[in-house]
N, C-alpha and C. Protein backbone atom coordinates (compact mmCIF):
# COMPACT_ATOMS: atom_id res chain seq x y z
N UNK A 1 -67.30 12.98 78.10
CA UNK A 1 -68.41 12.07 78.09
C UNK A 1 -68.11 10.94 79.08
N UNK A 2 -69.10 10.63 79.90
CA UNK A 2 -68.96 9.54 80.86
C UNK A 2 -69.14 8.20 80.17
N UNK A 3 -68.30 7.26 80.56
CA UNK A 3 -68.36 5.90 80.03
C UNK A 3 -68.52 4.97 81.22
N UNK A 4 -69.56 4.12 81.19
CA UNK A 4 -69.84 3.26 82.32
C UNK A 4 -69.94 1.80 81.87
N UNK A 5 -69.13 0.95 82.48
CA UNK A 5 -69.20 -0.49 82.20
C UNK A 5 -70.29 -1.09 83.07
N UNK A 6 -71.10 -1.96 82.49
CA UNK A 6 -72.23 -2.58 83.18
C UNK A 6 -71.99 -4.08 83.34
N UNK A 7 -72.16 -4.56 84.55
CA UNK A 7 -72.13 -6.01 84.79
C UNK A 7 -73.53 -6.56 84.53
N UNK A 8 -73.59 -7.70 83.87
CA UNK A 8 -74.84 -8.39 83.60
C UNK A 8 -74.64 -9.83 84.05
N UNK A 9 -75.33 -10.19 85.11
CA UNK A 9 -75.15 -11.56 85.62
C UNK A 9 -76.18 -12.50 85.02
N UNK A 10 -75.80 -13.72 84.77
CA UNK A 10 -74.52 -14.36 85.05
C UNK A 10 -73.50 -14.18 83.94
N UNK A 11 -73.82 -13.39 82.92
CA UNK A 11 -72.94 -13.24 81.75
C UNK A 11 -71.57 -12.70 82.15
N UNK A 12 -71.52 -11.68 83.01
CA UNK A 12 -70.23 -11.11 83.40
C UNK A 12 -69.33 -12.14 84.06
N UNK A 13 -69.88 -12.92 84.96
CA UNK A 13 -69.10 -13.96 85.63
C UNK A 13 -68.62 -15.00 84.64
N UNK A 14 -69.47 -15.40 83.69
CA UNK A 14 -69.06 -16.37 82.68
C UNK A 14 -67.90 -15.83 81.85
N UNK A 15 -67.99 -14.55 81.45
CA UNK A 15 -66.92 -13.95 80.65
C UNK A 15 -65.61 -13.92 81.43
N UNK A 16 -65.67 -13.52 82.67
CA UNK A 16 -64.46 -13.44 83.49
C UNK A 16 -63.81 -14.81 83.63
N UNK A 17 -64.63 -15.84 83.84
CA UNK A 17 -64.10 -17.19 83.99
C UNK A 17 -63.47 -17.71 82.70
N UNK A 18 -64.11 -17.44 81.58
CA UNK A 18 -63.64 -18.00 80.31
C UNK A 18 -62.56 -17.17 79.66
N UNK A 19 -62.71 -15.87 79.64
CA UNK A 19 -61.78 -15.03 78.88
C UNK A 19 -60.60 -14.54 79.70
N UNK A 20 -60.73 -14.59 81.01
CA UNK A 20 -59.66 -14.21 81.92
C UNK A 20 -59.04 -12.85 81.57
N UNK A 21 -59.88 -11.92 81.22
CA UNK A 21 -59.39 -10.60 80.87
C UNK A 21 -60.42 -9.54 81.17
N UNK A 22 -60.04 -8.28 81.03
CA UNK A 22 -60.97 -7.19 81.31
C UNK A 22 -62.00 -7.04 80.19
N UNK A 23 -63.16 -7.60 80.41
CA UNK A 23 -64.23 -7.51 79.40
C UNK A 23 -65.56 -7.31 80.11
N UNK A 24 -66.33 -6.39 79.59
CA UNK A 24 -67.68 -6.16 80.07
C UNK A 24 -68.63 -6.43 78.92
N UNK A 25 -69.77 -7.03 79.19
CA UNK A 25 -70.71 -7.29 78.10
C UNK A 25 -71.38 -6.02 77.60
N UNK A 26 -71.41 -4.96 78.45
CA UNK A 26 -72.14 -3.74 78.08
C UNK A 26 -71.35 -2.50 78.53
N UNK A 27 -71.31 -1.52 77.65
CA UNK A 27 -70.78 -0.19 77.97
C UNK A 27 -71.87 0.82 77.64
N UNK A 28 -72.10 1.77 78.55
CA UNK A 28 -73.06 2.84 78.32
C UNK A 28 -72.27 4.14 78.22
N UNK A 29 -72.52 4.92 77.17
CA UNK A 29 -71.85 6.20 76.99
C UNK A 29 -72.67 7.08 76.06
N UNK A 30 -72.77 8.35 76.40
CA UNK A 30 -73.41 9.32 75.52
C UNK A 30 -74.82 8.99 75.11
N UNK A 31 -75.59 8.35 75.98
CA UNK A 31 -76.97 8.01 75.65
C UNK A 31 -77.12 6.76 74.81
N UNK A 32 -76.02 6.02 74.64
CA UNK A 32 -76.04 4.80 73.84
C UNK A 32 -75.59 3.61 74.68
N UNK A 33 -76.03 2.43 74.26
CA UNK A 33 -75.62 1.17 74.87
C UNK A 33 -74.87 0.38 73.81
N UNK A 34 -73.69 -0.10 74.17
CA UNK A 34 -72.87 -0.91 73.28
C UNK A 34 -72.78 -2.31 73.89
N UNK A 35 -73.33 -3.29 73.19
CA UNK A 35 -73.35 -4.66 73.69
C UNK A 35 -72.31 -5.47 72.91
N UNK A 36 -71.40 -6.11 73.67
CA UNK A 36 -70.37 -6.95 73.07
C UNK A 36 -70.97 -8.18 72.40
N UNK A 37 -70.28 -8.69 71.40
CA UNK A 37 -70.65 -9.98 70.84
C UNK A 37 -70.38 -11.04 71.88
N UNK A 38 -71.33 -11.90 72.10
CA UNK A 38 -71.22 -12.93 73.13
C UNK A 38 -71.45 -14.30 72.51
N UNK A 39 -70.70 -15.31 72.97
CA UNK A 39 -71.01 -16.66 72.51
C UNK A 39 -72.32 -17.13 73.13
N UNK A 40 -72.94 -18.13 72.56
CA UNK A 40 -74.19 -18.65 73.14
C UNK A 40 -73.90 -19.47 74.39
N UNK A 41 -73.83 -18.79 75.55
CA UNK A 41 -73.60 -19.49 76.81
C UNK A 41 -74.79 -20.36 77.14
N UNK A 42 -74.53 -21.58 77.58
CA UNK A 42 -75.59 -22.46 78.04
C UNK A 42 -76.26 -21.81 79.25
N UNK A 43 -77.58 -21.64 79.24
CA UNK A 43 -78.26 -20.96 80.35
C UNK A 43 -78.12 -21.65 81.71
N UNK A 44 -77.75 -22.92 81.74
CA UNK A 44 -77.61 -23.64 83.00
C UNK A 44 -76.15 -23.66 83.46
N UNK A 45 -75.25 -24.11 82.58
CA UNK A 45 -73.85 -24.30 82.97
C UNK A 45 -73.00 -23.04 82.80
N UNK A 46 -73.41 -22.13 81.92
CA UNK A 46 -72.60 -20.95 81.65
C UNK A 46 -71.47 -21.21 80.69
N UNK A 47 -71.41 -22.37 80.09
CA UNK A 47 -70.34 -22.70 79.15
C UNK A 47 -70.90 -22.73 77.73
N UNK A 48 -70.11 -22.25 76.77
CA UNK A 48 -70.54 -22.45 75.38
C UNK A 48 -70.51 -23.94 75.08
N UNK A 49 -71.50 -24.44 74.42
CA UNK A 49 -71.52 -25.85 74.07
C UNK A 49 -72.12 -26.02 72.69
N UNK A 50 -71.74 -27.10 72.04
CA UNK A 50 -72.24 -27.36 70.68
C UNK A 50 -73.74 -27.62 70.75
N UNK A 51 -74.49 -26.81 70.05
CA UNK A 51 -75.95 -26.94 69.97
C UNK A 51 -76.36 -26.70 68.53
N UNK A 52 -77.59 -27.06 68.17
CA UNK A 52 -78.06 -26.73 66.82
C UNK A 52 -78.01 -25.21 66.62
N UNK A 53 -77.78 -24.80 65.39
CA UNK A 53 -77.61 -23.38 65.07
C UNK A 53 -78.78 -22.54 65.57
N UNK A 54 -80.00 -23.01 65.36
CA UNK A 54 -81.17 -22.23 65.75
C UNK A 54 -81.19 -21.96 67.26
N UNK A 55 -80.81 -22.94 68.07
CA UNK A 55 -80.73 -22.74 69.52
C UNK A 55 -79.65 -21.72 69.87
N UNK A 56 -78.52 -21.80 69.19
CA UNK A 56 -77.45 -20.84 69.43
C UNK A 56 -77.93 -19.41 69.14
N UNK A 57 -78.64 -19.24 68.03
CA UNK A 57 -79.14 -17.91 67.65
C UNK A 57 -80.13 -17.39 68.69
N UNK A 58 -81.03 -18.25 69.15
CA UNK A 58 -81.99 -17.85 70.20
C UNK A 58 -81.28 -17.42 71.48
N UNK A 59 -80.30 -18.22 71.90
CA UNK A 59 -79.57 -17.90 73.13
C UNK A 59 -78.85 -16.57 72.99
N UNK A 60 -78.17 -16.35 71.88
CA UNK A 60 -77.43 -15.10 71.67
C UNK A 60 -78.38 -13.89 71.70
N UNK A 61 -79.51 -13.99 71.05
CA UNK A 61 -80.45 -12.86 71.03
C UNK A 61 -81.09 -12.64 72.39
N UNK A 62 -81.35 -13.71 73.13
CA UNK A 62 -81.88 -13.56 74.49
C UNK A 62 -80.84 -12.88 75.40
N UNK A 63 -79.58 -13.27 75.25
CA UNK A 63 -78.51 -12.63 76.02
C UNK A 63 -78.41 -11.15 75.68
N UNK A 64 -78.51 -10.82 74.40
CA UNK A 64 -78.45 -9.43 73.97
C UNK A 64 -79.60 -8.64 74.60
N UNK A 65 -80.79 -9.22 74.58
CA UNK A 65 -81.97 -8.59 75.18
C UNK A 65 -81.74 -8.33 76.67
N UNK A 66 -81.21 -9.32 77.37
CA UNK A 66 -80.94 -9.17 78.81
C UNK A 66 -79.92 -8.06 79.07
N UNK A 67 -78.87 -8.02 78.26
CA UNK A 67 -77.86 -6.96 78.41
C UNK A 67 -78.47 -5.58 78.20
N UNK A 68 -79.28 -5.43 77.17
CA UNK A 68 -79.93 -4.14 76.89
C UNK A 68 -80.83 -3.72 78.04
N UNK A 69 -81.64 -4.63 78.53
CA UNK A 69 -82.56 -4.30 79.61
C UNK A 69 -81.82 -3.95 80.90
N UNK A 70 -80.72 -4.62 81.18
CA UNK A 70 -79.92 -4.30 82.36
C UNK A 70 -79.36 -2.88 82.25
N UNK A 71 -79.04 -2.45 81.04
CA UNK A 71 -78.48 -1.13 80.82
C UNK A 71 -79.55 -0.03 80.69
N UNK A 72 -80.82 -0.39 80.79
CA UNK A 72 -81.90 0.59 80.70
C UNK A 72 -82.40 0.84 79.29
N UNK A 73 -82.17 -0.10 78.39
CA UNK A 73 -82.64 0.03 77.01
C UNK A 73 -83.51 -1.18 76.68
N UNK A 74 -83.71 -1.44 75.40
CA UNK A 74 -84.54 -2.57 74.99
C UNK A 74 -84.25 -2.91 73.53
N UNK A 75 -84.81 -4.01 73.09
CA UNK A 75 -84.66 -4.42 71.69
C UNK A 75 -85.27 -3.39 70.75
N UNK A 76 -86.31 -2.70 71.19
CA UNK A 76 -86.95 -1.69 70.35
C UNK A 76 -86.04 -0.49 70.10
N UNK A 77 -85.01 -0.32 70.92
CA UNK A 77 -84.11 0.83 70.81
C UNK A 77 -82.81 0.50 70.07
N UNK A 78 -82.69 -0.72 69.56
CA UNK A 78 -81.48 -1.12 68.85
C UNK A 78 -81.40 -0.39 67.52
N UNK A 79 -80.23 0.21 67.25
CA UNK A 79 -80.00 0.93 66.01
C UNK A 79 -79.25 0.11 64.98
N UNK A 80 -78.32 -0.74 65.46
CA UNK A 80 -77.43 -1.47 64.56
C UNK A 80 -77.03 -2.79 65.19
N UNK A 81 -77.05 -3.85 64.41
CA UNK A 81 -76.56 -5.17 64.83
C UNK A 81 -75.50 -5.65 63.84
N UNK A 82 -74.49 -6.29 64.37
CA UNK A 82 -73.49 -6.98 63.56
C UNK A 82 -73.61 -8.46 63.90
N UNK A 83 -73.85 -9.26 62.88
CA UNK A 83 -74.02 -10.70 63.06
C UNK A 83 -72.79 -11.38 62.46
N UNK A 84 -72.15 -12.23 63.26
CA UNK A 84 -70.97 -12.97 62.83
C UNK A 84 -71.32 -14.45 62.85
N UNK A 85 -71.16 -15.11 61.71
CA UNK A 85 -71.59 -16.50 61.59
C UNK A 85 -70.55 -17.29 60.80
N UNK A 86 -70.37 -18.56 61.17
CA UNK A 86 -69.38 -19.38 60.49
C UNK A 86 -69.90 -20.06 59.22
N UNK A 87 -71.21 -19.98 58.97
CA UNK A 87 -71.78 -20.71 57.84
C UNK A 87 -72.78 -19.84 57.09
N UNK A 88 -72.44 -19.38 55.88
CA UNK A 88 -73.35 -18.50 55.15
C UNK A 88 -74.70 -19.14 54.81
N UNK A 89 -74.77 -20.46 54.82
CA UNK A 89 -76.05 -21.12 54.51
C UNK A 89 -77.06 -20.95 55.64
N UNK A 90 -76.65 -20.41 56.77
CA UNK A 90 -77.54 -20.19 57.92
C UNK A 90 -78.28 -18.86 57.86
N UNK A 91 -78.06 -18.09 56.81
CA UNK A 91 -78.65 -16.75 56.68
C UNK A 91 -80.18 -16.78 56.83
N UNK A 92 -80.85 -17.64 56.10
CA UNK A 92 -82.32 -17.71 56.14
C UNK A 92 -82.82 -18.16 57.51
N UNK A 93 -82.16 -19.15 58.10
CA UNK A 93 -82.57 -19.63 59.44
C UNK A 93 -82.41 -18.51 60.46
N UNK A 94 -81.31 -17.77 60.37
CA UNK A 94 -81.11 -16.67 61.31
C UNK A 94 -82.18 -15.60 61.10
N UNK A 95 -82.50 -15.27 59.87
CA UNK A 95 -83.51 -14.24 59.59
C UNK A 95 -84.86 -14.58 60.22
N UNK A 96 -85.25 -15.84 60.21
CA UNK A 96 -86.52 -16.24 60.82
C UNK A 96 -86.53 -15.96 62.32
N UNK A 97 -85.44 -16.29 62.98
CA UNK A 97 -85.34 -16.06 64.43
C UNK A 97 -85.23 -14.57 64.72
N UNK A 98 -84.40 -13.88 63.98
CA UNK A 98 -84.18 -12.45 64.15
C UNK A 98 -85.49 -11.67 64.02
N UNK A 99 -86.34 -12.07 63.08
CA UNK A 99 -87.61 -11.39 62.85
C UNK A 99 -88.54 -11.47 64.06
N UNK A 100 -88.41 -12.51 64.88
CA UNK A 100 -89.22 -12.61 66.10
C UNK A 100 -88.77 -11.58 67.14
N UNK A 101 -87.52 -11.22 67.14
CA UNK A 101 -86.99 -10.25 68.10
C UNK A 101 -87.17 -8.82 67.62
N UNK A 102 -87.31 -8.64 66.32
CA UNK A 102 -87.52 -7.31 65.73
C UNK A 102 -88.71 -7.40 64.77
N UNK A 103 -89.94 -7.56 65.31
CA UNK A 103 -91.10 -7.82 64.46
C UNK A 103 -91.62 -6.61 63.68
N UNK A 104 -91.34 -5.40 64.14
CA UNK A 104 -91.92 -4.23 63.49
C UNK A 104 -90.89 -3.51 62.63
N UNK A 105 -89.91 -2.94 63.25
CA UNK A 105 -88.85 -2.23 62.52
C UNK A 105 -87.51 -2.81 62.95
N UNK A 106 -86.86 -3.48 62.05
CA UNK A 106 -85.57 -4.06 62.41
C UNK A 106 -84.49 -2.99 62.27
N UNK A 107 -83.43 -3.10 63.07
CA UNK A 107 -82.34 -2.14 63.00
C UNK A 107 -81.48 -2.36 61.76
N UNK A 108 -80.59 -1.42 61.50
CA UNK A 108 -79.59 -1.63 60.46
C UNK A 108 -78.79 -2.87 60.86
N UNK A 109 -78.32 -3.63 59.86
CA UNK A 109 -77.67 -4.90 60.19
C UNK A 109 -76.71 -5.33 59.10
N UNK A 110 -75.71 -6.06 59.52
CA UNK A 110 -74.82 -6.75 58.58
C UNK A 110 -74.69 -8.19 59.04
N UNK A 111 -74.58 -9.11 58.10
CA UNK A 111 -74.39 -10.53 58.38
C UNK A 111 -73.04 -10.90 57.77
N UNK A 112 -72.05 -11.11 58.64
CA UNK A 112 -70.69 -11.39 58.19
C UNK A 112 -70.34 -12.85 58.41
N UNK A 113 -69.67 -13.43 57.44
CA UNK A 113 -69.19 -14.80 57.60
C UNK A 113 -67.75 -14.75 58.10
N UNK A 114 -67.50 -15.51 59.14
CA UNK A 114 -66.17 -15.60 59.73
C UNK A 114 -65.72 -17.06 59.64
N UNK A 115 -64.42 -17.30 59.59
CA UNK A 115 -63.97 -18.69 59.43
C UNK A 115 -64.23 -19.57 60.65
N UNK A 116 -64.08 -19.01 61.84
CA UNK A 116 -64.29 -19.82 63.04
C UNK A 116 -64.29 -18.92 64.28
N UNK A 117 -64.67 -19.50 65.41
CA UNK A 117 -64.61 -18.84 66.71
C UNK A 117 -63.71 -19.69 67.62
N UNK A 118 -63.21 -19.10 68.70
CA UNK A 118 -62.39 -19.89 69.63
C UNK A 118 -63.25 -20.68 70.62
N UNK A 119 -64.16 -21.46 70.10
CA UNK A 119 -65.05 -22.24 70.95
C UNK A 119 -66.05 -22.99 70.09
N UNK A 120 -66.86 -23.84 70.72
CA UNK A 120 -67.81 -24.69 69.99
C UNK A 120 -69.13 -23.97 69.68
N UNK A 121 -69.06 -22.88 68.93
CA UNK A 121 -70.27 -22.16 68.57
C UNK A 121 -70.10 -21.55 67.19
N UNK A 122 -71.23 -21.13 66.61
CA UNK A 122 -71.25 -20.69 65.21
C UNK A 122 -71.74 -19.26 65.01
N UNK A 123 -72.10 -18.55 66.09
CA UNK A 123 -72.70 -17.23 65.91
C UNK A 123 -72.42 -16.33 67.11
N UNK A 124 -72.23 -15.06 66.81
CA UNK A 124 -72.21 -13.98 67.81
C UNK A 124 -72.94 -12.80 67.19
N UNK A 125 -73.55 -11.98 68.04
CA UNK A 125 -74.22 -10.76 67.58
C UNK A 125 -73.86 -9.65 68.56
N UNK A 126 -73.42 -8.50 68.03
CA UNK A 126 -73.25 -7.34 68.89
C UNK A 126 -74.20 -6.26 68.42
N UNK A 127 -74.38 -5.22 69.23
CA UNK A 127 -75.31 -4.18 68.82
C UNK A 127 -75.02 -2.86 69.50
N UNK A 128 -75.62 -1.82 68.94
CA UNK A 128 -75.62 -0.48 69.52
C UNK A 128 -77.10 -0.07 69.63
N UNK A 129 -77.47 0.46 70.80
CA UNK A 129 -78.87 0.87 71.04
C UNK A 129 -78.88 2.23 71.72
N UNK A 130 -80.02 2.89 71.67
CA UNK A 130 -80.23 4.15 72.38
C UNK A 130 -80.76 3.83 73.78
N UNK A 131 -80.57 4.79 74.67
CA UNK A 131 -81.25 4.73 75.95
C UNK A 131 -82.42 5.70 75.85
N UNK A 132 -83.65 5.20 76.00
CA UNK A 132 -84.82 6.09 75.79
C UNK A 132 -84.90 7.18 76.87
């Protein structure tokens, strides 16, 4: 099976600068797209920065959408999402935002609470999608 790493700009450049390691935001293999969990990069500076939770969630889902589209997929093709959050009380707020991105049929999902991230943010979301 062929495995192809996809660059998504400016996300790929931001990851390389911050993580200083071999990381791609997207891998395509076997008709599927695998999107890495990404911090909510500021759309202007490219740096994660402390923002209200709702803005962080919007940024993360927009980044996920961009990664999927770059790989030839879309939000409608998402099969599974993993949501990692530092505060369980944000569940309802996240659901409101998430429902705007998946208005008809939402994918399988888990919402996991994690103690912290190595940066000033509170949420990451990764996913697996089909390529239509």
